[in-house]
Amino acid sequence: MKNPVLNLNSFCSSPLFLLNSDDMSLLESPFSLDEYKVPNKKSNFKPTDYYKPSKTRGLKEDKEGYCLECDTWLKLKNSSYWYHMNFIHGINSKGMKYPEPEIIRKNNGKNEGYCGICEEWINLGSKRDQKRCKFGWYRHCQKIHK
């Protein structure tokens, strides 16, 4: 991409200055040439990046990130947001979701998920709440399969 700052030398040597004053009306604006357009500022939030908060508020130690799925604000400074996204939603800091267990079974009243990479059964967690029932699985993925 070319530098969006107006360069006087290249501007004066452009075809614009080779036109007669009568021909100038054919142009919408001397700055309509693509070479002089300033790109629009883009937001850092990507709709496919599920890790980054969709909104932030506060400054420094009080800065918080908003979890859209849970409709809640979490502190960024003390890693509450990181912990929440990793272990509640299973999303790592690169914005990628952890893989799901290949098989889920009940063993002695506990839910376990089979990790095909490790070829082991991993305790999923004991919470009955659907969002938190895979805490152990997400912790395994975060520690072992970074």
C-alpha atoms as a PDB file:
ATOM      1  CA  MET A   1       0.000   0.000   0.000  1.00  0.00           C
ATOM      2  CA  LYS A   2       1.270   3.461  -0.847  1.00  0.00           C
ATOM      3  CA  ASN A   3       1.858   6.041   1.830  1.00  0.00           C
ATOM      4  CA  PRO A   4      -1.438   7.929   2.366  1.00  0.00           C
ATOM      5  CA  VAL A   5       0.438  11.231   2.908  1.00  0.00           C
ATOM      6  CA  LEU A   6       0.214  13.627  -0.016  1.00  0.00           C
ATOM      7  CA  ASN A   7       3.529  13.766  -1.874  1.00  0.00           C
ATOM      8  CA  LEU A   8       3.759  17.125  -3.662  1.00  0.00           C
ATOM      9  CA  ASN A   9       6.261  15.932  -6.312  1.00  0.00           C
ATOM     10  CA  SER A  10       4.166  12.965  -7.408  1.00  0.00           C
ATOM     11  CA  PHE A  11       0.985  15.052  -7.222  1.00  0.00           C
ATOM     12  CA  CYS A  12       2.418  17.743  -9.533  1.00  0.00           C
ATOM     13  CA  SER A  13       3.655  15.137 -12.007  1.00  0.00           C
ATOM     14  CA  SER A  14       0.271  13.417 -12.164  1.00  0.00           C
ATOM     15  CA  PRO A  15      -1.900  13.564 -15.313  1.00  0.00           C
ATOM     16  CA  LEU A  16      -4.080  16.063 -13.480  1.00  0.00           C
ATOM     17  CA  PHE A  17      -1.660  18.901 -14.229  1.00  0.00           C
ATOM     18  CA  LEU A  18      -1.483  18.011 -17.925  1.00  0.00           C
ATOM     19  CA  LEU A  19      -5.151  18.939 -18.406  1.00  0.00           C
ATOM     20  CA  ASN A  20      -6.392  22.310 -19.603  1.00  0.00           C
ATOM     21  CA  SER A  21      -8.571  24.297 -17.248  1.00  0.00           C
ATOM     22  CA  ASP A  22     -11.617  23.403 -19.388  1.00  0.00           C
ATOM     23  CA  ASP A  23     -10.877  19.689 -18.913  1.00  0.00           C
ATOM     24  CA  MET A  24     -10.685  20.052 -15.127  1.00  0.00           C
ATOM     25  CA  SER A  25     -14.465  19.858 -14.885  1.00  0.00           C
ATOM     26  CA  LEU A  26     -14.226  16.227 -16.040  1.00  0.00           C
ATOM     27  CA  LEU A  27     -12.626  15.282 -12.755  1.00  0.00           C
ATOM     28  CA  GLU A  28     -14.713  14.988  -9.613  1.00  0.00           C
ATOM     29  CA  SER A  29     -11.896  16.138  -7.363  1.00  0.00           C
ATOM     30  CA  PRO A  30      -8.131  16.333  -7.650  1.00  0.00           C
ATOM     31  CA  PHE A  31      -8.019  13.898  -4.732  1.00  0.00           C
ATOM     32  CA  SER A  32     -10.255  11.301  -6.370  1.00  0.00           C
ATOM     33  CA  LEU A  33      -7.203   9.417  -7.603  1.00  0.00           C
ATOM     34  CA  ASP A  34      -6.707   6.172  -5.655  1.00  0.00           C
ATOM     35  CA  GLU A  35      -3.114   7.045  -4.934  1.00  0.00           C
ATOM     36  CA  TYR A  36      -4.207   9.915  -2.650  1.00  0.00           C
ATOM     37  CA  LYS A  37      -7.028   8.223  -0.782  1.00  0.00           C
ATOM     38  CA  VAL A  38      -6.529   7.708   2.939  1.00  0.00           C
ATOM     39  CA  PRO A  39      -7.675   4.238   4.006  1.00  0.00           C
ATOM     40  CA  ASN A  40     -10.509   3.983   6.515  1.00  0.00           C
ATOM     41  CA  LYS A  41      -9.398   3.145  10.029  1.00  0.00           C
ATOM     42  CA  LYS A  42     -10.399  -0.421  10.839  1.00  0.00           C
ATOM     43  CA  SER A  43     -11.445  -1.803  14.193  1.00  0.00           C
ATOM     44  CA  ASN A  44      -9.141  -4.335  15.878  1.00  0.00           C
ATOM     45  CA  PHE A  45     -12.120  -6.582  16.673  1.00  0.00           C
ATOM     46  CA  LYS A  46     -12.658  -9.378  14.165  1.00  0.00           C
ATOM     47  CA  PRO A  47     -15.961 -11.239  14.262  1.00  0.00           C
ATOM     48  CA  THR A  48     -14.041 -14.545  14.070  1.00  0.00           C
ATOM     49  CA  ASP A  49     -11.731 -13.696  16.971  1.00  0.00           C
ATOM     50  CA  TYR A  50     -13.784 -14.954  19.890  1.00  0.00           C
ATOM     51  CA  TYR A  51     -11.088 -14.342  22.503  1.00  0.00           C
ATOM     52  CA  LYS A  52     -10.868 -10.555  22.305  1.00  0.00           C
ATOM     53  CA  PRO A  53     -13.587  -8.739  24.210  1.00  0.00           C
ATOM     54  CA  SER A  54     -16.209  -7.181  21.958  1.00  0.00           C
ATOM     55  CA  LYS A  55     -16.189  -4.120  24.259  1.00  0.00           C
ATOM     56  CA  THR A  56     -13.852  -2.739  26.900  1.00  0.00           C
ATOM     57  CA  ARG A  57     -14.335  -0.137  29.586  1.00  0.00           C
ATOM     58  CA  GLY A  58     -12.220   1.505  32.276  1.00  0.00           C
ATOM     59  CA  LEU A  59      -8.520   2.281  32.430  1.00  0.00           C
ATOM     60  CA  LYS A  60      -5.391   0.570  33.787  1.00  0.00           C
ATOM     61  CA  GLU A  61      -6.214  -1.628  36.811  1.00  0.00           C
ATOM     62  CA  ASP A  62      -9.955  -1.089  36.353  1.00  0.00           C
ATOM     63  CA  LYS A  63     -10.047  -2.084  32.671  1.00  0.00           C
ATOM     64  CA  GLU A  64     -12.672  -4.749  31.920  1.00  0.00           C
ATOM     65  CA  GLY A  65     -13.598  -6.864  28.926  1.00  0.00           C
ATOM     66  CA  TYR A  66     -17.164  -7.794  28.011  1.00  0.00           C
ATOM     67  CA  CYS A  67     -18.137 -11.431  27.414  1.00  0.00           C
ATOM     68  CA  LEU A  68     -20.950 -11.275  24.888  1.00  0.00           C
ATOM     69  CA  GLU A  69     -22.109 -14.847  25.486  1.00  0.00           C
ATOM     70  CA  CYS A  70     -22.439 -14.473  29.282  1.00  0.00           C
ATOM     71  CA  ASP A  71     -23.442 -10.788  29.247  1.00  0.00           C
ATOM     72  CA  THR A  72     -20.861  -9.987  31.928  1.00  0.00           C
ATOM     73  CA  TRP A  73     -17.826  -7.728  32.487  1.00  0.00           C
ATOM     74  CA  LEU A  74     -14.523  -9.305  33.622  1.00  0.00           C
ATOM     75  CA  LYS A  75     -11.269  -7.695  34.785  1.00  0.00           C
ATOM     76  CA  LEU A  76      -8.434  -7.744  32.257  1.00  0.00           C
ATOM     77  CA  LYS A  77      -5.633  -6.769  34.661  1.00  0.00           C
ATOM     78  CA  ASN A  78      -5.946  -9.817  36.951  1.00  0.00           C
ATOM     79  CA  SER A  79      -6.563 -12.306  34.093  1.00  0.00           C
ATOM     80  CA  SER A  80     -10.212 -12.941  35.024  1.00  0.00           C
ATOM     81  CA  TYR A  81     -11.168 -12.493  31.372  1.00  0.00           C
ATOM     82  CA  TRP A  82      -8.412 -14.889  30.211  1.00  0.00           C
ATOM     83  CA  TYR A  83      -9.471 -17.494  32.800  1.00  0.00           C
ATOM     84  CA  HIS A  84     -13.139 -17.125  31.857  1.00  0.00           C
ATOM     85  CA  MET A  85     -12.553 -17.530  28.110  1.00  0.00           C
ATOM     86  CA  ASN A  86     -10.172 -20.485  28.556  1.00  0.00           C
ATOM     87  CA  PHE A  87     -12.017 -22.533  31.140  1.00  0.00           C
ATOM     88  CA  ILE A  88     -15.675 -21.563  30.697  1.00  0.00           C
ATOM     89  CA  HIS A  89     -15.884 -21.190  26.908  1.00  0.00           C
ATOM     90  CA  GLY A  90     -12.837 -23.206  25.829  1.00  0.00           C
ATOM     91  CA  ILE A  91     -11.266 -20.436  23.739  1.00  0.00           C
ATOM     92  CA  ASN A  92      -7.504 -19.910  23.870  1.00  0.00           C
ATOM     93  CA  SER A  93      -5.742 -16.540  23.677  1.00  0.00           C
ATOM     94  CA  LYS A  94      -5.175 -17.022  19.915  1.00  0.00           C
ATOM     95  CA  GLY A  95      -8.970 -16.943  19.454  1.00  0.00           C
ATOM     96  CA  MET A  96      -9.282 -20.648  18.624  1.00  0.00           C
ATOM     97  CA  LYS A  97     -11.735 -23.000  20.290  1.00  0.00           C
ATOM     98  CA  TYR A  98     -10.334 -26.110  21.941  1.00  0.00           C
ATOM     99  CA  PRO A  99     -11.360 -29.412  20.313  1.00  0.00           C
ATOM    100  CA  GLU A 100     -14.244 -31.325  21.883  1.00  0.00           C
ATOM    101  CA  PRO A 101     -13.674 -34.761  23.457  1.00  0.00           C
ATOM    102  CA  GLU A 102     -14.024 -37.620  20.964  1.00  0.00           C
ATOM    103  CA  ILE A 103     -16.190 -39.658  23.367  1.00  0.00           C
ATOM    104  CA  ILE A 104     -17.853 -38.759  26.669  1.00  0.00           C
ATOM    105  CA  ARG A 105     -18.627 -41.421  29.270  1.00  0.00           C
ATOM    106  CA  LYS A 106     -19.758 -41.669  32.880  1.00  0.00           C
ATOM    107  CA  ASN A 107     -17.292 -43.431  35.162  1.00  0.00           C
ATOM    108  CA  ASN A 108     -18.169 -43.819  38.858  1.00  0.00           C
ATOM    109  CA  GLY A 109     -20.637 -40.934  38.591  1.00  0.00           C
ATOM    110  CA  LYS A 110     -18.129 -38.582  36.928  1.00  0.00           C
ATOM    111  CA  ASN A 111     -18.113 -37.416  33.326  1.00  0.00           C
ATOM    112  CA  GLU A 112     -14.938 -38.170  31.374  1.00  0.00           C
ATOM    113  CA  GLY A 113     -13.871 -37.204  27.874  1.00  0.00           C
ATOM    114  CA  TYR A 114     -11.528 -39.216  25.677  1.00  0.00           C
ATOM    115  CA  CYS A 115      -8.523 -37.334  24.296  1.00  0.00           C
ATOM    116  CA  GLY A 116      -7.478 -38.985  21.036  1.00  0.00           C
ATOM    117  CA  ILE A 117      -4.117 -37.204  21.063  1.00  0.00           C
ATOM    118  CA  CYS A 118      -3.095 -38.409  24.546  1.00  0.00           C
ATOM    119  CA  GLU A 119      -5.194 -41.574  24.327  1.00  0.00           C
ATOM    120  CA  GLU A 120      -6.403 -40.920  27.889  1.00  0.00           C
ATOM    121  CA  TRP A 121      -9.704 -40.308  29.666  1.00  0.00           C
ATOM    122  CA  ILE A 122      -9.866 -36.789  31.142  1.00  0.00           C
ATOM    123  CA  ASN A 123     -12.176 -35.797  34.010  1.00  0.00           C
ATOM    124  CA  LEU A 124     -14.514 -33.148  32.572  1.00  0.00           C
ATOM    125  CA  GLY A 125     -15.554 -31.587  35.863  1.00  0.00           C
ATOM    126  CA  SER A 126     -18.392 -32.005  38.283  1.00  0.00           C
ATOM    127  CA  LYS A 127     -20.516 -28.885  37.782  1.00  0.00           C
ATOM    128  CA  ARG A 128     -24.026 -29.572  36.586  1.00  0.00           C
ATOM    129  CA  ASP A 129     -24.196 -26.246  34.766  1.00  0.00           C
ATOM    130  CA  GLN A 130     -23.831 -26.969  31.028  1.00  0.00           C
ATOM    131  CA  LYS A 131     -21.306 -24.136  30.472  1.00  0.00           C
ATOM    132  CA  ARG A 132     -18.982 -25.319  33.239  1.00  0.00           C
ATOM    133  CA  CYS A 133     -19.210 -29.068  32.774  1.00  0.00           C
ATOM    134  CA  LYS A 134     -16.036 -29.174  30.617  1.00  0.00           C
ATOM    135  CA  PHE A 135     -13.723 -27.208  32.921  1.00  0.00           C
ATOM    136  CA  GLY A 136     -11.361 -30.191  33.331  1.00  0.00           C
ATOM    137  CA  TRP A 137     -11.317 -30.802  29.583  1.00  0.00           C
ATOM    138  CA  TYR A 138     -10.474 -27.172  28.776  1.00  0.00           C
ATOM    139  CA  ARG A 139      -7.786 -27.121  31.468  1.00  0.00           C
ATOM    140  CA  HIS A 140      -6.268 -30.284  29.926  1.00  0.00           C
ATOM    141  CA  CYS A 141      -6.263 -28.723  26.438  1.00  0.00           C
ATOM    142  CA  GLN A 142      -4.769 -25.466  27.716  1.00  0.00           C
ATOM    143  CA  LYS A 143      -1.951 -27.149  29.649  1.00  0.00           C
ATOM    144  CA  ILE A 144      -1.083 -30.099  27.400  1.00  0.00           C
ATOM    145  CA  HIS A 145      -2.050 -29.134  23.830  1.00  0.00           C
ATOM    146  CA  LYS A 146      -1.290 -25.378  23.809  1.00  0.00           C
END
